[in-house]
Amino acid sequence: MTVRVPIKSEILSWARERSRLSPEHLLAQFPKIDAWERGESHPTLKQLEKFAHATHTPIGYLFLTEPPVETLPIPDFRTIGNTEIARPSPDLLETVYLCQQRQEWYREYARQNGEEPVPFIRTLSTHVPIEDAAGQIGDLLSFHSGQRGSNWSEALHRLLDRADSLGVLVMVSGIVGSNTHRKLDPDEFRGFTLVDDLAPVIFVNGSDTKAAQIFTLVHELAHLWLGESALSDADMNRTPNNVVEWWCNQVTAEILVPRTELETMDLDRNHLPDELSCIAHRFKVSTLVALRRIFELGYISRTEYQELLHSELAHVRELMSKQTSGGGNFYNTQPARVSKRFARAVFVSTLEGQTLHRDALQMLGIRKISTFHGLGRHLGVM
């Protein structure tokens, strides 16, 4: 006799909506899902387990009497227009929780090894003038316009290495954990910061463009200088109501495209699209950031800005649609996903016998011990 589980229909509807999967996609996997939600029939336990897996829902949630209210464990400063975003996706929630777990492990590791607190955290406030703050942060990052390399990828790697050397665990990934089938959506979030004196964490959505990742990383670093954990609105073409987000955006823009340097450029107002590309290439930013900077500095009117913004947004979307999601070399991408600093610490702790190999593999997103050894050799710790 087949045993069916009487799950409340509103719980099933909640899980379906929470997953952000299309009704057609779920219907193909679960032909009776509509009948389940109407209460006309119930799934078997095996079907329920499959449904939980497909919708990325903890199976225990499906036995609740009413849908749970899920909230992010950090302040959420994102907005669409002037409206706060109400419900985080399972991908976002799991990514934040995973980063918190890594942070907790590294904090204890740092304590045991007598590491000093990261000195610049909480050393600035939003009362500090934008140019003064940008000068302090930019000097420590050693990321002035002449120090960024020849392209956006090189600039991003230099910035990542510098942040790592300053004691920041920077994790750049476009997927949930190690699941290549769960791509993160940059339209939902670009990055977040988890402030801690010993284990500060920055996560950057690797599904975004390289130029956008650079902006996000500097924005999140500004959050560390403030000592403000947050899921951020790292987007120059929005005007956040939150003073922290506004300040971080302005400081980031000044670090990446300094006012004094932009003012020395002889811009041709009759060929602004070409000039935007020139600015973007020189400073290793997106054309959207370049456009916002020339607008803020009075080179164009608001009407011109809005017209060019519409055109540039369409161009960026086209580029992103053509962007390939190839994984590249695993030994290069995986340390970036979990943070090189974190990966090195896990290897050292494991080789010293402080951490079990089983736990190390789980934290690094690795399944085989041979891959673990290969990654250790790549990082120079084995």
Protein backbone atom coordinates (compact mmCIF):
# COMPACT_ATOMS: atom_id res chain seq x y z
CA MET A 1 0.00 0.00 0.00
CA THR A 2 1.38 3.42 -1.00
CA VAL A 3 1.64 5.85 1.92
CA ARG A 4 0.97 9.48 1.09
CA VAL A 5 1.98 12.50 3.15
CA PRO A 6 -0.77 15.07 3.86
CA ILE A 7 1.24 18.26 3.34
CA LYS A 8 -0.65 21.54 3.58
CA SER A 9 -1.28 23.05 0.16
CA GLU A 10 -0.09 26.51 1.24
CA ILE A 11 3.28 25.03 2.21
CA LEU A 12 3.69 23.49 -1.23
CA SER A 13 2.71 26.78 -2.89
CA TRP A 14 5.19 28.64 -0.68
CA ALA A 15 8.03 26.24 -1.58
CA ARG A 16 7.24 26.52 -5.28
CA GLU A 17 7.20 30.32 -5.21
CA ARG A 18 10.29 30.46 -3.01
CA SER A 19 12.25 28.35 -5.49
CA ARG A 20 11.68 30.90 -8.29
CA LEU A 21 11.37 27.99 -10.72
CA SER A 22 8.82 28.31 -13.49
CA PRO A 23 5.52 26.42 -13.10
CA GLU A 24 6.27 24.65 -16.39
CA HIS A 25 9.62 23.43 -15.08
CA LEU A 26 8.11 21.97 -11.91
CA LEU A 27 5.09 20.54 -13.73
CA ALA A 28 7.41 18.56 -15.97
CA GLN A 29 8.97 16.93 -12.90
CA PHE A 30 5.80 16.68 -10.82
CA PRO A 31 2.75 16.20 -13.07
CA LYS A 32 0.39 16.14 -10.07
CA ILE A 33 1.71 19.30 -8.40
CA ASP A 34 -1.47 21.26 -9.19
CA ALA A 35 -3.60 18.54 -7.58
CA TRP A 36 -1.30 18.55 -4.53
CA GLU A 37 -1.69 22.30 -4.13
CA ARG A 38 -5.48 22.02 -4.46
CA GLY A 39 -5.50 19.30 -1.81
CA GLU A 40 -7.07 16.78 -4.17
CA SER A 41 -4.17 14.34 -3.66
CA HIS A 42 -0.95 14.09 -1.69
CA PRO A 43 2.64 13.16 -2.61
CA THR A 44 4.39 10.05 -1.42
CA LEU A 45 7.39 10.51 0.88
CA LYS A 46 9.74 9.80 -2.02
CA GLN A 47 7.97 12.38 -4.18
CA LEU A 48 8.14 14.87 -1.32
CA GLU A 49 11.88 14.32 -0.90
CA LYS A 50 12.35 14.83 -4.64
CA PHE A 51 10.22 18.00 -4.51
CA ALA A 52 12.28 19.36 -1.58
CA HIS A 53 15.49 18.71 -3.51
CA ALA A 54 14.16 20.29 -6.71
CA THR A 55 12.98 23.45 -4.93
CA HIS A 56 16.02 23.67 -2.62
CA THR A 57 13.72 23.52 0.41
CA PRO A 58 14.79 21.94 3.72
CA ILE A 59 12.43 18.97 3.91
CA GLY A 60 11.49 19.75 7.50
CA TYR A 61 9.90 23.00 6.31
CA LEU A 62 7.38 21.01 4.28
CA PHE A 63 5.88 19.54 7.45
CA LEU A 64 5.16 22.92 9.05
CA THR A 65 1.59 24.08 9.59
CA GLU A 66 2.26 27.45 7.96
CA PRO A 67 5.00 28.90 5.74
CA PRO A 68 8.05 30.14 7.67
CA VAL A 69 9.24 33.72 7.40
CA GLU A 70 12.84 33.59 6.21
CA THR A 71 15.01 36.62 6.82
CA LEU A 72 18.63 37.28 5.98
CA PRO A 73 20.98 37.20 8.98
CA ILE A 74 22.54 40.51 7.87
CA PRO A 75 21.05 43.92 7.03
CA ASP A 76 19.62 44.04 3.51
CA PHE A 77 20.25 47.37 1.79
CA ARG A 78 19.10 46.31 -1.68
CA THR A 79 16.26 48.14 -3.37
CA ILE A 80 14.45 48.08 -6.70
CA GLY A 81 13.53 51.69 -7.28
CA ASN A 82 12.73 52.78 -3.74
CA THR A 83 11.18 49.45 -2.70
CA GLU A 84 12.94 46.97 -0.43
CA ILE A 85 13.30 43.42 -1.74
CA ALA A 86 11.08 41.24 0.44
CA ARG A 87 12.06 37.59 -0.03
CA PRO A 88 15.60 36.23 -0.49
CA SER A 89 16.02 33.25 -2.81
CA PRO A 90 17.26 29.86 -1.57
CA ASP A 91 20.47 30.49 -3.53
CA LEU A 92 21.16 33.72 -1.68
CA LEU A 93 20.28 32.30 1.74
CA GLU A 94 22.48 29.24 1.30
CA THR A 95 25.37 31.38 0.06
CA VAL A 96 25.20 33.64 3.12
CA TYR A 97 24.95 30.67 5.50
CA LEU A 98 27.93 28.95 3.83
CA CYS A 99 30.05 32.09 4.13
CA GLN A 100 29.10 32.42 7.79
CA GLN A 101 30.22 28.84 8.42
CA ARG A 102 33.58 29.52 6.79
CA GLN A 103 33.93 32.73 8.75
CA GLU A 104 33.23 30.95 12.04
CA TRP A 105 35.86 28.31 11.28
CA TYR A 106 38.48 30.87 10.26
CA ARG A 107 37.79 33.05 13.32
CA GLU A 108 38.64 30.13 15.60
CA TYR A 109 41.68 29.27 13.50
CA ALA A 110 42.91 32.87 13.74
CA ARG A 111 42.44 32.90 17.52
CA GLN A 112 44.35 29.64 17.96
CA ASN A 113 47.21 30.94 15.85
CA GLY A 114 47.42 34.34 17.51
CA GLU A 115 46.54 36.39 14.45
CA GLU A 116 46.12 40.12 15.01
CA PRO A 117 42.78 41.83 14.27
CA VAL A 118 42.52 43.46 10.84
CA PRO A 119 43.52 47.04 11.72
CA PHE A 120 41.42 49.14 9.32
CA ILE A 121 37.99 47.76 10.25
CA ARG A 122 35.67 50.40 11.79
CA THR A 123 38.23 53.18 11.29
CA LEU A 124 35.94 55.36 9.16
CA SER A 125 32.39 56.69 9.39
CA THR A 126 29.94 58.15 6.91
CA HIS A 127 30.83 61.58 8.32
CA VAL A 128 34.26 61.34 6.70
CA PRO A 129 34.31 63.31 3.41
CA ILE A 130 34.17 61.13 0.30
CA GLU A 131 37.53 62.17 -1.14
CA ASP A 132 39.30 61.78 2.23
CA ALA A 133 37.88 58.29 2.70
CA ALA A 134 38.70 57.31 -0.89
CA GLY A 135 42.27 58.51 -0.39
CA GLN A 136 42.77 56.45 2.76
CA ILE A 137 41.24 53.28 1.32
CA GLY A 138 42.85 53.68 -2.10
CA ASP A 139 46.32 54.18 -0.61
CA LEU A 140 46.07 50.98 1.46
CA LEU A 141 44.67 49.00 -1.47
CA SER A 142 47.48 50.20 -3.79
CA PHE A 143 44.90 50.30 -6.56
CA HIS A 144 45.47 53.64 -8.23
CA SER A 145 44.67 53.89 -11.94
CA GLY A 146 48.24 53.12 -13.02
CA GLN A 147 48.38 49.97 -10.88
CA ARG A 148 45.49 48.01 -12.40
CA GLY A 149 47.08 46.15 -15.27
CA SER A 150 46.07 45.98 -18.91
CA ASN A 151 42.55 44.57 -18.62
CA TRP A 152 39.66 44.06 -16.23
CA SER A 153 40.60 40.48 -15.30
CA GLU A 154 44.11 41.52 -14.36
CA ALA A 155 42.77 44.45 -12.36
CA LEU A 156 40.37 42.20 -10.48
CA HIS A 157 43.10 39.67 -9.64
CA ARG A 158 45.40 42.39 -8.37
CA LEU A 159 42.65 43.77 -6.18
CA LEU A 160 41.78 40.30 -4.87
CA ASP A 161 45.41 39.59 -4.00
CA ARG A 162 45.74 42.91 -2.21
CA ALA A 163 42.56 42.38 -0.18
CA ASP A 164 43.78 38.88 0.72
CA SER A 165 47.12 40.26 1.90
CA LEU A 166 45.28 42.75 4.13
CA GLY A 167 43.53 39.90 5.95
CA VAL A 168 40.19 39.81 4.13
CA LEU A 169 38.54 36.52 3.13
CA VAL A 170 37.27 37.38 -0.36
CA MET A 171 35.06 34.74 -1.98
CA VAL A 172 34.15 35.18 -5.64
CA SER A 173 31.70 32.66 -7.03
CA GLY A 174 28.91 32.54 -9.56
CA ILE A 175 27.35 29.36 -8.14
CA VAL A 176 25.90 28.07 -4.87
CA GLY A 177 28.71 26.23 -3.10
CA SER A 178 30.19 23.83 -5.64
CA ASN A 179 26.92 23.18 -7.48
CA THR A 180 27.51 24.26 -11.06
CA HIS A 181 23.80 23.78 -11.82
CA ARG A 182 22.81 26.58 -9.42
CA LYS A 183 24.04 29.82 -10.94
CA LEU A 184 23.74 32.96 -8.83
CA ASP A 185 21.71 35.81 -10.28
CA PRO A 186 23.51 39.20 -10.28
CA ASP A 187 20.11 40.88 -10.66
CA GLU A 188 19.26 39.57 -7.17
CA PHE A 189 22.52 40.54 -5.48
CA ARG A 190 26.07 41.52 -6.36
CA GLY A 191 27.79 41.01 -3.05
CA PHE A 192 27.74 41.19 0.73
CA THR A 193 30.00 41.82 3.70
CA LEU A 194 30.31 39.94 7.00
CA VAL A 195 32.30 42.16 9.35
CA ASP A 196 34.59 40.53 11.90
CA ASP A 197 37.85 41.76 13.42
CA LEU A 198 39.66 38.47 12.83
CA ALA A 199 37.73 36.97 9.91
CA PRO A 200 36.18 39.67 7.72
CA VAL A 201 34.38 38.11 4.75
CA ILE A 202 33.42 39.64 1.42
CA PHE A 203 31.40 37.70 -1.12
CA VAL A 204 31.29 38.85 -4.75
CA ASN A 205 28.83 37.39 -7.25
CA GLY A 206 31.06 35.86 -9.92
CA SER A 207 28.20 35.71 -12.44
CA ASP A 208 28.55 39.47 -12.90
CA THR A 209 30.91 41.14 -15.37
CA LYS A 210 34.54 41.63 -14.32
CA ALA A 211 34.03 45.42 -14.22
CA ALA A 212 30.99 44.99 -11.97
CA GLN A 213 32.93 42.60 -9.72
CA ILE A 214 35.66 45.22 -9.28
CA PHE A 215 33.10 47.83 -8.27
CA THR A 216 31.38 45.40 -5.89
CA LEU A 217 34.63 44.37 -4.22
CA VAL A 218 35.70 47.96 -3.56
CA HIS A 219 32.18 48.79 -2.33
CA GLU A 220 32.26 45.87 0.10
CA LEU A 221 35.72 46.86 1.29
CA ALA A 222 34.30 50.28 2.12
CA HIS A 223 31.74 48.45 4.28
CA LEU A 224 34.62 46.91 6.23
CA TRP A 225 36.18 50.32 6.83
CA LEU A 226 32.79 51.37 8.26
CA GLY A 227 32.33 48.12 10.17
CA GLU A 228 28.90 47.56 8.59
CA SER A 229 27.82 44.04 7.61
CA ALA A 230 25.27 44.16 4.79
CA LEU A 231 23.84 42.73 1.62
CA SER A 232 24.61 45.64 -0.64
CA ASP A 233 23.30 47.77 -3.47
CA ALA A 234 26.64 48.12 -5.24
CA ASP A 235 25.25 49.94 -8.25
CA MET A 236 26.18 53.49 -9.24
CA ASN A 237 23.07 53.86 -11.38
CA ARG A 238 20.75 53.61 -8.41
CA THR A 239 20.46 56.22 -5.69
CA PRO A 240 20.12 54.38 -2.38
CA ASN A 241 18.07 55.94 0.38
CA ASN A 242 20.37 54.34 2.95
CA VAL A 243 23.24 56.66 3.91
CA VAL A 244 25.70 53.77 4.29
CA GLU A 245 25.04 52.52 0.76
CA TRP A 246 25.19 56.00 -0.72
CA TRP A 247 28.51 56.68 1.06
CA CYS A 248 30.03 53.34 -0.03
CA ASN A 249 28.97 53.90 -3.64
CA GLN A 250 30.43 57.40 -3.71
CA VAL A 251 33.69 56.34 -2.08
CA THR A 252 33.99 53.44 -4.51
CA ALA A 253 33.40 55.71 -7.50
CA GLU A 254 36.04 58.15 -6.26
CA ILE A 255 38.57 55.35 -5.71
CA LEU A 256 37.97 53.86 -9.14
CA VAL A 257 37.49 57.07 -11.15
CA PRO A 258 39.10 59.92 -9.18
CA ARG A 259 37.59 63.34 -9.84
CA THR A 260 40.96 65.00 -10.37
CA GLU A 261 42.05 62.44 -12.98
CA LEU A 262 38.77 62.54 -14.86
CA GLU A 263 38.92 66.34 -15.01
CA THR A 264 42.29 66.17 -16.76
CA MET A 265 40.81 64.15 -19.64
CA ASP A 266 39.82 66.14 -22.71
CA LEU A 267 36.41 64.59 -23.37
CA ASP A 268 34.68 65.05 -26.72
CA ARG A 269 31.01 65.72 -25.91
CA ASN A 270 30.04 64.95 -29.51
CA HIS A 271 31.31 61.35 -29.26
CA LEU A 272 30.41 60.39 -25.71
CA PRO A 273 29.86 56.63 -26.33
CA ASP A 274 33.47 56.39 -27.52
CA GLU A 275 34.63 58.50 -24.59
CA LEU A 276 32.81 56.19 -22.15
CA SER A 277 34.72 53.22 -23.53
CA CYS A 278 37.96 55.15 -23.17
CA ILE A 279 37.22 56.04 -19.54
CA ALA A 280 36.12 52.49 -18.76
CA HIS A 281 39.33 51.03 -20.21
CA ARG A 282 41.61 53.53 -18.49
CA PHE A 283 40.12 53.03 -15.03
CA LYS A 284 38.97 49.37 -15.45
CA VAL A 285 35.33 50.15 -14.68
CA SER A 286 32.10 49.57 -16.58
CA THR A 287 30.77 52.14 -19.06
CA LEU A 288 27.84 52.54 -16.63
CA VAL A 289 30.19 53.74 -13.88
CA ALA A 290 32.00 55.97 -16.37
CA LEU A 291 28.67 57.46 -17.45
CA ARG A 292 27.57 58.14 -13.90
CA ARG A 293 30.86 59.85 -13.09
CA ILE A 294 30.74 62.26 -16.04
CA PHE A 295 27.13 63.07 -15.13
CA GLU A 296 27.96 63.72 -11.48
CA LEU A 297 30.86 65.95 -12.47
CA GLY A 298 28.60 68.04 -14.71
CA TYR A 299 29.80 66.99 -18.15
CA ILE A 300 26.29 66.09 -19.32
CA SER A 301 22.71 67.02 -18.40
CA ARG A 302 20.28 64.67 -16.66
CA THR A 303 18.39 64.24 -19.93
CA GLU A 304 21.56 63.24 -21.76
CA TYR A 305 22.45 60.93 -18.89
CA GLN A 306 19.09 59.15 -19.02
CA GLU A 307 19.32 58.70 -22.79
CA LEU A 308 22.84 57.30 -22.65
CA LEU A 309 22.02 55.15 -19.61
CA HIS A 310 19.23 53.39 -21.49
CA SER A 311 21.60 52.66 -24.38
CA GLU A 312 24.46 51.48 -22.17
CA LEU A 313 22.20 49.21 -20.08
CA ALA A 314 21.03 47.50 -23.25
CA HIS A 315 24.65 47.10 -24.36
CA VAL A 316 25.71 45.59 -21.01
CA ARG A 317 22.77 43.16 -21.02
CA GLU A 318 23.75 42.05 -24.52
CA LEU A 319 27.34 41.44 -23.41
CA MET A 320 26.19 39.45 -20.37
CA SER A 321 23.89 37.31 -22.51
CA LYS A 322 26.92 36.32 -24.59
CA GLN A 323 29.12 35.73 -21.57
CA THR A 324 30.15 32.10 -21.28
CA SER A 325 29.99 30.31 -17.94
CA GLY A 326 32.90 27.96 -18.48
CA GLY A 327 34.42 26.75 -15.24
CA GLY A 328 38.02 27.25 -16.33
CA ASN A 329 40.87 25.60 -14.44
CA PHE A 330 39.52 24.11 -11.20
CA TYR A 331 42.72 24.81 -9.30
CA ASN A 332 42.41 28.50 -10.21
CA THR A 333 38.68 28.92 -9.69
CA GLN A 334 38.14 26.96 -6.48
CA PRO A 335 40.54 28.99 -4.27
CA ALA A 336 38.80 32.14 -5.52
CA ARG A 337 35.40 30.66 -4.65
CA VAL A 338 36.35 29.89 -1.04
CA SER A 339 39.05 32.59 -0.60
CA LYS A 340 42.75 31.83 -1.01
CA ARG A 341 43.40 32.85 2.58
CA PHE A 342 40.71 30.49 3.83
CA ALA A 343 41.93 27.62 1.61
CA ARG A 344 45.52 28.00 2.79
CA ALA A 345 44.38 28.02 6.42
CA VAL A 346 42.32 24.84 5.94
CA PHE A 347 45.31 23.08 4.38
CA VAL A 348 47.69 24.13 7.15
CA SER A 349 45.22 23.10 9.85
CA THR A 350 44.66 19.72 8.15
CA LEU A 351 48.35 19.00 7.68
CA GLU A 352 48.93 19.84 11.34
CA GLY A 353 46.23 17.36 12.34
CA GLN A 354 43.88 19.99 13.74
CA THR A 355 41.20 19.47 11.09
CA LEU A 356 39.93 16.14 9.75
CA HIS A 357 40.38 15.51 6.04
CA ARG A 358 36.65 14.84 5.81
CA ASP A 359 35.88 18.31 7.20
CA ALA A 360 38.53 19.95 5.02
CA LEU A 361 37.06 18.43 1.86
CA GLN A 362 33.59 19.63 2.83
CA MET A 363 34.74 23.18 3.58
CA LEU A 364 36.70 23.44 0.34
CA GLY A 365 33.97 21.93 -1.83
CA ILE A 366 36.12 18.96 -2.84
CA ARG A 367 35.14 15.29 -3.09
CA LYS A 368 38.41 13.44 -3.77
CA ILE A 369 41.53 13.36 -1.63
CA SER A 370 43.63 13.43 -4.82
CA THR A 371 42.00 16.75 -5.76
CA PHE A 372 42.71 18.02 -2.25
CA HIS A 373 46.40 17.25 -2.67
CA GLY A 374 46.44 18.80 -6.13
CA LEU A 375 44.89 22.01 -4.79
CA GLY A 376 47.41 22.07 -1.96
CA ARG A 377 50.27 21.86 -4.43
CA HIS A 378 48.68 24.62 -6.52
CA LEU A 379 48.51 26.86 -3.46
CA GLY A 380 52.09 26.03 -2.50
CA VAL A 381 51.28 24.53 0.88
CA MET A 382 52.06 20.87 0.07
